[in-house]
Amino acid sequence: MTNPKANLLAHLESMAARYQDRWTLSACGVTVGRRSIPALLDKNANSPGSNTASVLLISGLSGNPDDVALARRALDSTPSDDAGPGNHISLSAIP
């Protein structure tokens, strides 16, 4: 059986490495078990002079793995570069 938490962290690490100009991997706290809670941060979020809306996607609060899967799909469907004409959102996530 695979570890969904390890798979999620590996996926976020992969996204941060693949799109270094867009995202950075960080943490937003720790669990009761002293594990870091991963966060994928858009480097352009809250940048001075930016005309994008900053959005923070939080998922997994229900404990249902489907919530995390939906967050992963949202991240995967987000354009990876800022050049796209429809990209007006700086998306960060705590999946």
PDB file of N, CA and C in Angstrom:
ATOM      1  N   MET A   1       0.841  -1.180   0.000  1.00  0.00           N
ATOM      2  CA  MET A   1       0.000   0.000   0.000  1.00  0.00           C
ATOM      3  C   MET A   1       0.889   1.247   0.000  1.00  0.00           C
ATOM      4  N   THR A   2       0.537   2.218  -0.824  1.00  0.00           N
ATOM      5  CA  THR A   2       1.333   3.435  -0.906  1.00  0.00           C
ATOM      6  C   THR A   2       0.947   4.404   0.200  1.00  0.00           C
ATOM      7  N   ASN A   3       1.881   5.260   0.549  1.00  0.00           N
ATOM      8  CA  ASN A   3       1.651   6.265   1.573  1.00  0.00           C
ATOM      9  C   ASN A   3       1.172   7.542   0.895  1.00  0.00           C
ATOM     10  N   PRO A   4      -0.126   7.914   1.052  1.00  0.00           N
ATOM     11  CA  PRO A   4      -0.639   9.089   0.351  1.00  0.00           C
ATOM     12  C   PRO A   4       0.061  10.384   0.751  1.00  0.00           C
ATOM     13  N   LYS A   5       0.491  10.495   2.004  1.00  0.00           N
ATOM     14  CA  LYS A   5       1.181  11.713   2.443  1.00  0.00           C
ATOM     15  C   LYS A   5       2.541  11.832   1.771  1.00  0.00           C
ATOM     16  N   ALA A   6       3.260  10.719   1.672  1.00  0.00           N
ATOM     17  CA  ALA A   6       4.559  10.728   0.999  1.00  0.00           C
ATOM     18  C   ALA A   6       4.381  11.026  -0.485  1.00  0.00           C
ATOM     19  N   ASN A   7       3.337  10.451  -1.099  1.00  0.00           N
ATOM     20  CA  ASN A   7       3.062  10.709  -2.509  1.00  0.00           C
ATOM     21  C   ASN A   7       2.739  12.179  -2.742  1.00  0.00           C
ATOM     22  N   LEU A   8       1.984  12.790  -1.843  1.00  0.00           N
ATOM     23  CA  LEU A   8       1.639  14.201  -1.968  1.00  0.00           C
ATOM     24  C   LEU A   8       2.893  15.060  -1.873  1.00  0.00           C
ATOM     25  N   LEU A   9       3.725  14.797  -0.899  1.00  0.00           N
ATOM     26  CA  LEU A   9       4.954  15.569  -0.741  1.00  0.00           C
ATOM     27  C   LEU A   9       5.845  15.418  -1.973  1.00  0.00           C
ATOM     28  N   ALA A  10       5.963  14.205  -2.485  1.00  0.00           N
ATOM     29  CA  ALA A  10       6.771  13.975  -3.690  1.00  0.00           C
ATOM     30  C   ALA A  10       6.196  14.741  -4.878  1.00  0.00           C
ATOM     31  N   HIS A  11       4.871  14.778  -4.987  1.00  0.00           N
ATOM     32  CA  HIS A  11       4.219  15.505  -6.079  1.00  0.00           C
ATOM     33  C   HIS A  11       4.498  17.005  -5.968  1.00  0.00           C
ATOM     34  N   LEU A  12       4.384  17.553  -4.767  1.00  0.00           N
ATOM     35  CA  LEU A  12       4.646  18.979  -4.564  1.00  0.00           C
ATOM     36  C   LEU A  12       6.114  19.311  -4.825  1.00  0.00           C
ATOM     37  N   GLU A  13       7.008  18.449  -4.370  1.00  0.00           N
ATOM     38  CA  GLU A  13       8.439  18.652  -4.639  1.00  0.00           C
ATOM     39  C   GLU A  13       8.707  18.650  -6.141  1.00  0.00           C
ATOM     40  N   SER A  14       8.064  17.743  -6.849  1.00  0.00           N
ATOM     41  CA  SER A  14       8.226  17.652  -8.296  1.00  0.00           C
ATOM     42  C   SER A  14       7.727  18.922  -8.986  1.00  0.00           C
ATOM     43  N   MET A  15       6.573  19.418  -8.560  1.00  0.00           N
ATOM     44  CA  MET A  15       6.031  20.639  -9.162  1.00  0.00           C
ATOM     45  C   MET A  15       6.943  21.832  -8.901  1.00  0.00           C
ATOM     46  N   ALA A  16       7.441  21.950  -7.677  1.00  0.00           N
ATOM     47  CA  ALA A  16       8.328  23.070  -7.331  1.00  0.00           C
ATOM     48  C   ALA A  16       9.626  22.994  -8.132  1.00  0.00           C
ATOM     49  N   ALA A  17      10.126  21.789  -8.356  1.00  0.00           N
ATOM     50  CA  ALA A  17      11.363  21.623  -9.123  1.00  0.00           C
ATOM     51  C   ALA A  17      11.135  21.882 -10.613  1.00  0.00           C
ATOM     52  N   ARG A  18       9.993  21.427 -11.118  1.00  0.00           N
ATOM     53  CA  ARG A  18       9.696  21.570 -12.545  1.00  0.00           C
ATOM     54  C   ARG A  18       9.387  23.020 -12.934  1.00  0.00           C
ATOM     55  N   TYR A  19       8.722  23.740 -12.035  1.00  0.00           N
ATOM     56  CA  TYR A  19       8.319  25.123 -12.315  1.00  0.00           C
ATOM     57  C   TYR A  19       8.943  26.064 -11.291  1.00  0.00           C
ATOM     58  N   GLN A  20      10.264  26.128 -11.300  1.00  0.00           N
ATOM     59  CA  GLN A  20      10.998  26.910 -10.306  1.00  0.00           C
ATOM     60  C   GLN A  20      10.693  28.402 -10.379  1.00  0.00           C
ATOM     61  N   ASP A  21      10.302  28.892 -11.542  1.00  0.00           N
ATOM     62  CA  ASP A  21       9.965  30.307 -11.663  1.00  0.00           C
ATOM     63  C   ASP A  21       8.589  30.619 -11.086  1.00  0.00           C
ATOM     64  N   ARG A  22       7.776  29.597 -10.897  1.00  0.00           N
ATOM     65  CA  ARG A  22       6.402  29.802 -10.430  1.00  0.00           C
ATOM     66  C   ARG A  22       6.228  29.486  -8.946  1.00  0.00           C
ATOM     67  N   TRP A  23       6.691  28.295  -8.512  1.00  0.00           N
ATOM     68  CA  TRP A  23       6.393  27.825  -7.164  1.00  0.00           C
ATOM     69  C   TRP A  23       7.626  27.519  -6.340  1.00  0.00           C
ATOM     70  N   THR A  24       7.434  27.603  -5.033  1.00  0.00           N
ATOM     71  CA  THR A  24       8.446  27.165  -4.083  1.00  0.00           C
ATOM     72  C   THR A  24       7.747  26.301  -3.036  1.00  0.00           C
ATOM     73  N   LEU A  25       8.436  25.282  -2.563  1.00  0.00           N
ATOM     74  CA  LEU A  25       7.870  24.401  -1.550  1.00  0.00           C
ATOM     75  C   LEU A  25       8.239  24.937  -0.179  1.00  0.00           C
ATOM     76  N   SER A  26       7.255  25.008   0.683  1.00  0.00           N
ATOM     77  CA  SER A  26       7.465  25.527   2.031  1.00  0.00           C
ATOM     78  C   SER A  26       6.636  24.680   2.994  1.00  0.00           C
ATOM     79  N   ALA A  27       6.504  25.163   4.207  1.00  0.00           N
ATOM     80  CA  ALA A  27       5.661  24.505   5.210  1.00  0.00           C
ATOM     81  C   ALA A  27       4.864  25.583   5.927  1.00  0.00           C
ATOM     82  N   CYS A  28       3.675  25.211   6.386  1.00  0.00           N
ATOM     83  CA  CYS A  28       2.815  26.195   7.048  1.00  0.00           C
ATOM     84  C   CYS A  28       2.558  25.835   8.505  1.00  0.00           C
ATOM     85  N   GLY A  29       3.279  24.892   9.024  1.00  0.00           N
ATOM     86  CA  GLY A  29       3.112  24.478  10.409  1.00  0.00           C
ATOM     87  C   GLY A  29       3.525  23.031  10.579  1.00  0.00           C
ATOM     88  N   VAL A  30       3.174  22.469  11.717  1.00  0.00           N
ATOM     89  CA  VAL A  30       3.491  21.071  11.993  1.00  0.00           C
ATOM     90  C   VAL A  30       2.257  20.364  12.532  1.00  0.00           C
ATOM     91  N   THR A  31       2.230  19.057  12.340  1.00  0.00           N
ATOM     92  CA  THR A  31       1.138  18.239  12.849  1.00  0.00           C
ATOM     93  C   THR A  31       1.411  17.863  14.299  1.00  0.00           C
ATOM     94  N   VAL A  32       0.457  17.207  14.918  1.00  0.00           N
ATOM     95  CA  VAL A  32       0.642  16.713  16.281  1.00  0.00           C
ATOM     96  C   VAL A  32       1.831  15.762  16.338  1.00  0.00           C
ATOM     97  N   GLY A  33       2.046  15.025  15.251  1.00  0.00           N
ATOM     98  CA  GLY A  33       3.174  14.098  15.166  1.00  0.00           C
ATOM     99  C   GLY A  33       4.477  14.770  14.762  1.00  0.00           C
ATOM    100  N   ARG A  34       4.492  16.086  14.783  1.00  0.00           N
ATOM    101  CA  ARG A  34       5.683  16.895  14.473  1.00  0.00           C
ATOM    102  C   ARG A  34       6.166  16.742  13.033  1.00  0.00           C
ATOM    103  N   ARG A  35       5.236  16.515  12.135  1.00  0.00           N
ATOM    104  CA  ARG A  35       5.561  16.480  10.710  1.00  0.00           C
ATOM    105  C   ARG A  35       5.188  17.827  10.107  1.00  0.00           C
ATOM    106  N   SER A  36       6.024  18.307   9.208  1.00  0.00           N
ATOM    107  CA  SER A  36       5.739  19.566   8.523  1.00  0.00           C
ATOM    108  C   SER A  36       4.496  19.428   7.651  1.00  0.00           C
ATOM    109  N   ILE A  37       3.699  20.484   7.612  1.00  0.00           N
ATOM    110  CA  ILE A  37       2.541  20.540   6.727  1.00  0.00           C
ATOM    111  C   ILE A  37       3.002  21.260   5.461  1.00  0.00           C
ATOM    112  N   PRO A  38       3.072  20.549   4.330  1.00  0.00           N
ATOM    113  CA  PRO A  38       3.616  21.164   3.121  1.00  0.00           C
ATOM    114  C   PRO A  38       2.695  22.230   2.541  1.00  0.00           C
ATOM    115  N   ALA A  39       3.308  23.228   1.953  1.00  0.00           N
ATOM    116  CA  ALA A  39       2.582  24.291   1.261  1.00  0.00           C
ATOM    117  C   ALA A  39       3.341  24.619  -0.019  1.00  0.00           C
ATOM    118  N   LEU A  40       2.624  24.726  -1.103  1.00  0.00           N
ATOM    119  CA  LEU A  40       3.211  25.115  -2.376  1.00  0.00           C
ATOM    120  C   LEU A  40       2.848  26.579  -2.589  1.00  0.00           C
ATOM    121  N   LEU A  41       3.844  27.442  -2.596  1.00  0.00           N
ATOM    122  CA  LEU A  41       3.609  28.881  -2.648  1.00  0.00           C
ATOM    123  C   LEU A  41       3.944  29.451  -4.017  1.00  0.00           C
ATOM    124  N   ASP A  42       3.023  30.256  -4.531  1.00  0.00           N
ATOM    125  CA  ASP A  42       3.256  30.968  -5.782  1.00  0.00           C
ATOM    126  C   ASP A  42       4.193  32.131  -5.488  1.00  0.00           C
ATOM    127  N   LYS A  43       5.296  32.194  -6.192  1.00  0.00           N
ATOM    128  CA  LYS A  43       6.300  33.230  -5.928  1.00  0.00           C
ATOM    129  C   LYS A  43       5.788  34.631  -6.244  1.00  0.00           C
ATOM    130  N   ASN A  44       4.732  34.727  -7.044  1.00  0.00           N
ATOM    131  CA  ASN A  44       4.195  36.034  -7.418  1.00  0.00           C
ATOM    132  C   ASN A  44       3.059  36.498  -6.519  1.00  0.00           C
ATOM    133  N   ALA A  45       2.624  35.657  -5.607  1.00  0.00           N
ATOM    134  CA  ALA A  45       1.521  36.037  -4.720  1.00  0.00           C
ATOM    135  C   ALA A  45       1.931  37.234  -3.876  1.00  0.00           C
ATOM    136  N   ASN A  46       1.070  38.206  -3.829  1.00  0.00           N
ATOM    137  CA  ASN A  46       1.267  39.421  -3.022  1.00  0.00           C
ATOM    138  C   ASN A  46       2.487  40.232  -3.426  1.00  0.00           C
ATOM    139  N   SER A  47       2.932  40.082  -4.666  1.00  0.00           N
ATOM    140  CA  SER A  47       4.062  40.878  -5.147  1.00  0.00           C
ATOM    141  C   SER A  47       3.609  42.314  -5.380  1.00  0.00           C
ATOM    142  N   PRO A  48       4.429  43.278  -4.975  1.00  0.00           N
ATOM    143  CA  PRO A  48       4.067  44.680  -5.229  1.00  0.00           C
ATOM    144  C   PRO A  48       3.926  44.930  -6.733  1.00  0.00           C
ATOM    145  N   GLY A  49       2.898  45.631  -7.098  1.00  0.00           N
ATOM    146  CA  GLY A  49       2.679  45.957  -8.501  1.00  0.00           C
ATOM    147  C   GLY A  49       2.043  44.847  -9.316  1.00  0.00           C
ATOM    148  N   SER A  50       1.765  43.716  -8.698  1.00  0.00           N
ATOM    149  CA  SER A  50       1.156  42.602  -9.417  1.00  0.00           C
ATOM    150  C   SER A  50      -0.330  42.872  -9.628  1.00  0.00           C
ATOM    151  N   ASN A  51      -0.844  42.489 -10.785  1.00  0.00           N
ATOM    152  CA  ASN A  51      -2.274  42.655 -11.047  1.00  0.00           C
ATOM    153  C   ASN A  51      -3.011  41.325 -10.974  1.00  0.00           C
ATOM    154  N   THR A  52      -2.434  40.348 -10.282  1.00  0.00           N
ATOM    155  CA  THR A  52      -3.079  39.044 -10.134  1.00  0.00           C
ATOM    156  C   THR A  52      -3.760  38.939  -8.776  1.00  0.00           C
ATOM    157  N   ALA A  53      -4.803  38.147  -8.735  1.00  0.00           N
ATOM    158  CA  ALA A  53      -5.481  37.857  -7.472  1.00  0.00           C
ATOM    159  C   ALA A  53      -4.746  36.711  -6.791  1.00  0.00           C
ATOM    160  N   SER A  54      -4.453  36.865  -5.515  1.00  0.00           N
ATOM    161  CA  SER A  54      -3.786  35.799  -4.755  1.00  0.00           C
ATOM    162  C   SER A  54      -4.839  34.878  -4.160  1.00  0.00           C
ATOM    163  N   VAL A  55      -4.713  33.583  -4.444  1.00  0.00           N
ATOM    164  CA  VAL A  55      -5.666  32.586  -3.965  1.00  0.00           C
ATOM    165  C   VAL A  55      -4.900  31.518  -3.196  1.00  0.00           C
ATOM    166  N   LEU A  56      -5.399  31.174  -2.016  1.00  0.00           N
ATOM    167  CA  LEU A  56      -4.822  30.093  -1.220  1.00  0.00           C
ATOM    168  C   LEU A  56      -5.823  28.951  -1.188  1.00  0.00           C
ATOM    169  N   LEU A  57      -5.441  27.823  -1.753  1.00  0.00           N
ATOM    170  CA  LEU A  57      -6.280  26.629  -1.798  1.00  0.00           C
ATOM    171  C   LEU A  57      -5.920  25.748  -0.612  1.00  0.00           C
ATOM    172  N   ILE A  58      -6.886  25.528   0.265  1.00  0.00           N
ATOM    173  CA  ILE A  58      -6.680  24.667   1.431  1.00  0.00           C
ATOM    174  C   ILE A  58      -7.581  23.452   1.260  1.00  0.00           C
ATOM    175  N   SER A  59      -7.008  22.265   1.357  1.00  0.00           N
ATOM    176  CA  SER A  59      -7.813  21.052   1.214  1.00  0.00           C
ATOM    177  C   SER A  59      -7.386  20.025   2.247  1.00  0.00           C
ATOM    178  N   GLY A  60      -8.091  18.924   2.260  1.00  0.00           N
ATOM    179  CA  GLY A  60      -7.737  17.831   3.153  1.00  0.00           C
ATOM    180  C   GLY A  60      -8.266  17.967   4.564  1.00  0.00           C
ATOM    181  N   LEU A  61      -9.006  19.030   4.853  1.00  0.00           N
ATOM    182  CA  LEU A  61      -9.493  19.227   6.217  1.00  0.00           C
ATOM    183  C   LEU A  61     -10.520  18.178   6.629  1.00  0.00           C
ATOM    184  N   SER A  62     -11.209  17.595   5.661  1.00  0.00           N
ATOM    185  CA  SER A  62     -12.219  16.587   5.966  1.00  0.00           C
ATOM    186  C   SER A  62     -11.597  15.232   6.283  1.00  0.00           C
ATOM    187  N   GLY A  63     -10.322  15.069   5.914  1.00  0.00           N
ATOM    188  CA  GLY A  63      -9.675  13.772   6.088  1.00  0.00           C
ATOM    189  C   GLY A  63      -9.938  12.827   4.929  1.00  0.00           C
ATOM    190  N   ASN A  64     -10.719  13.276   3.962  1.00  0.00           N
ATOM    191  CA  ASN A  64     -11.056  12.461   2.803  1.00  0.00           C
ATOM    192  C   ASN A  64      -9.964  12.611   1.742  1.00  0.00           C
ATOM    193  N   PRO A  65      -9.353  11.513   1.296  1.00  0.00           N
ATOM    194  CA  PRO A  65      -8.296  11.593   0.281  1.00  0.00           C
ATOM    195  C   PRO A  65      -8.759  12.234  -1.026  1.00  0.00           C
ATOM    196  N   ASP A  66     -10.074  12.176  -1.304  1.00  0.00           N
ATOM    197  CA  ASP A  66     -10.583  12.788  -2.531  1.00  0.00           C
ATOM    198  C   ASP A  66     -10.366  14.300  -2.539  1.00  0.00           C
ATOM    199  N   ASP A  67     -10.417  14.935  -1.364  1.00  0.00           N
ATOM    200  CA  ASP A  67     -10.177  16.380  -1.278  1.00  0.00           C
ATOM    201  C   ASP A  67      -8.766  16.722  -1.740  1.00  0.00           C
ATOM    202  N   VAL A  68      -7.808  15.936  -1.301  1.00  0.00           N
ATOM    203  CA  VAL A  68      -6.414  16.165  -1.684  1.00  0.00           C
ATOM    204  C   VAL A  68      -6.236  15.909  -3.177  1.00  0.00           C
ATOM    205  N   ALA A  69      -6.898  14.888  -3.696  1.00  0.00           N
ATOM    206  CA  ALA A  69      -6.811  14.586  -5.128  1.00  0.00           C
ATOM    207  C   ALA A  69      -7.360  15.745  -5.958  1.00  0.00           C
ATOM    208  N   LEU A  70      -8.447  16.359  -5.503  1.00  0.00           N
ATOM    209  CA  LEU A  70      -8.999  17.514  -6.216  1.00  0.00           C
ATOM    210  C   LEU A  70      -8.031  18.691  -6.194  1.00  0.00           C
ATOM    211  N   ALA A  71      -7.382  18.908  -5.069  1.00  0.00           N
ATOM    212  CA  ALA A  71      -6.397  19.991  -4.972  1.00  0.00           C
ATOM    213  C   ALA A  71      -5.229  19.734  -5.917  1.00  0.00           C
ATOM    214  N   ARG A  72      -4.784  18.497  -5.979  1.00  0.00           N
ATOM    215  CA  ARG A  72      -3.689  18.153  -6.900  1.00  0.00           C
ATOM    216  C   ARG A  72      -4.091  18.428  -8.340  1.00  0.00           C
ATOM    217  N   ARG A  73      -5.324  18.073  -8.692  1.00  0.00           N
ATOM    218  CA  ARG A  73      -5.793  18.329 -10.059  1.00  0.00           C
ATOM    219  C   ARG A  73      -5.858  19.822 -10.349  1.00  0.00           C
ATOM    220  N   ALA A  74      -6.300  20.604  -9.361  1.00  0.00           N
ATOM    221  CA  ALA A  74      -6.348  22.063  -9.545  1.00  0.00           C
ATOM    222  C   ALA A  74      -4.949  22.615  -9.787  1.00  0.00           C
ATOM    223  N   LEU A  75      -3.979  22.155  -9.010  1.00  0.00           N
ATOM    224  CA  LEU A  75      -2.598  22.611  -9.198  1.00  0.00           C
ATOM    225  C   LEU A  75      -2.059  22.183 -10.556  1.00  0.00           C
ATOM    226  N   ASP A  76      -2.345  20.948 -10.938  1.00  0.00           N
ATOM    227  CA  ASP A  76      -1.851  20.431 -12.216  1.00  0.00           C
ATOM    228  C   ASP A  76      -2.462  21.166 -13.405  1.00  0.00           C
ATOM    229  N   SER A  77      -3.667  21.704 -13.238  1.00  0.00           N
ATOM    230  CA  SER A  77      -4.329  22.391 -14.352  1.00  0.00           C
ATOM    231  C   SER A  77      -3.997  23.877 -14.407  1.00  0.00           C
ATOM    232  N   THR A  78      -3.236  24.362 -13.437  1.00  0.00           N
ATOM    233  CA  THR A  78      -2.850  25.769 -13.412  1.00  0.00           C
ATOM    234  C   THR A  78      -1.718  26.001 -14.401  1.00  0.00           C
ATOM    235  N   PRO A  79      -1.826  27.036 -15.226  1.00  0.00           N
ATOM    236  CA  PRO A  79      -0.728  27.318 -16.162  1.00  0.00           C
ATOM    237  C   PRO A  79       0.588  27.491 -15.416  1.00  0.00           C
ATOM    238  N   SER A  80       1.649  26.974 -16.003  1.00  0.00           N
ATOM    239  CA  SER A  80       2.945  26.995 -15.323  1.00  0.00           C
ATOM    240  C   SER A  80       3.730  28.266 -15.567  1.00  0.00           C
ATOM    241  N   ASP A  81       3.312  29.061 -16.538  1.00  0.00           N
ATOM    242  CA  ASP A  81       4.051  30.303 -16.772  1.00  0.00           C
ATOM    243  C   ASP A  81       3.107  31.490 -16.640  1.00  0.00           C
ATOM    244  N   ASP A  82       3.683  32.645 -16.468  1.00  0.00           N
ATOM    245  CA  ASP A  82       2.886  33.852 -16.278  1.00  0.00           C
ATOM    246  C   ASP A  82       2.541  34.527 -17.595  1.00  0.00           C
ATOM    247  N   ALA A  83       2.983  33.957 -18.702  1.00  0.00           N
ATOM    248  CA  ALA A  83       2.796  34.608 -19.986  1.00  0.00           C
ATOM    249  C   ALA A  83       1.395  34.419 -20.554  1.00  0.00           C
ATOM    250  N   GLY A  84       0.670  33.441 -20.056  1.00  0.00           N
ATOM    251  CA  GLY A  84      -0.651  33.169 -20.593  1.00  0.00           C
ATOM    252  C   GLY A  84      -1.616  34.311 -20.349  1.00  0.00           C
ATOM    253  N   PRO A  85      -2.417  34.675 -21.360  1.00  0.00           N
ATOM    254  CA  PRO A  85      -3.326  35.810 -21.206  1.00  0.00           C
ATOM    255  C   PRO A  85      -4.418  35.571 -20.172  1.00  0.00           C
ATOM    256  N   GLY A  86      -4.765  34.320 -19.899  1.00  0.00           N
ATOM    257  CA  GLY A  86      -5.818  34.037 -18.936  1.00  0.00           C
ATOM    258  C   GLY A  86      -5.319  33.812 -17.525  1.00  0.00           C
ATOM    259  N   ASN A  87      -4.036  34.000 -17.296  1.00  0.00           N
ATOM    260  CA  ASN A  87      -3.467  33.708 -15.982  1.00  0.00           C
ATOM    261  C   ASN A  87      -3.466  34.962 -15.111  1.00  0.00           C
ATOM    262  N   HIS A  88      -4.550  35.160 -14.381  1.00  0.00           N
ATOM    263  CA  HIS A  88      -4.678  36.327 -13.511  1.00  0.00           C
ATOM    264  C   HIS A  88      -4.767  35.920 -12.048  1.00  0.00           C
ATOM    265  N   ILE A  89      -4.349  34.694 -11.743  1.00  0.00           N
ATOM    266  CA  ILE A  89      -4.423  34.182 -10.373  1.00  0.00           C
ATOM    267  C   ILE A  89      -3.049  33.703  -9.936  1.00  0.00           C
ATOM    268  N   SER A  90      -2.636  34.126  -8.755  1.00  0.00           N
ATOM    269  CA  SER A  90      -1.435  33.579  -8.113  1.00  0.00           C
ATOM    270  C   SER A  90      -1.935  32.524  -7.141  1.00  0.00           C
ATOM    271  N   LEU A  91      -1.779  31.259  -7.505  1.00  0.00           N
ATOM    272  CA  LEU A  91      -2.341  30.157  -6.725  1.00  0.00           C
ATOM    273  C   LEU A  91      -1.291  29.528  -5.828  1.00  0.00           C
ATOM    274  N   SER A  92      -1.568  29.524  -4.530  1.00  0.00           N
ATOM    275  CA  SER A  92      -0.767  28.794  -3.551  1.00  0.00           C
ATOM    276  C   SER A  92      -1.676  27.732  -2.954  1.00  0.00           C
ATOM    277  N   ALA A  93      -1.091  26.675  -2.403  1.00  0.00           N
ATOM    278  CA  ALA A  93      -1.929  25.584  -1.912  1.00  0.00           C
ATOM    279  C   ALA A  93      -1.348  24.914  -0.680  1.00  0.00           C
ATOM    280  N   ILE A  94      -2.256  24.530   0.195  1.00  0.00           N
ATOM    281  CA  ILE A  94      -1.967  23.660   1.330  1.00  0.00           C
ATOM    282  C   ILE A  94      -2.878  22.453   1.128  1.00  0.00           C
ATOM    283  N   PRO A  95      -2.390  21.483   0.344  1.00  0.00           N
ATOM    284  CA  PRO A  95      -3.261  20.363   0.007  1.00  0.00           C
ATOM    285  C   PRO A  95      -3.329  19.335   1.108  1.00  0.00           C
TER     286      PRO A  95
END
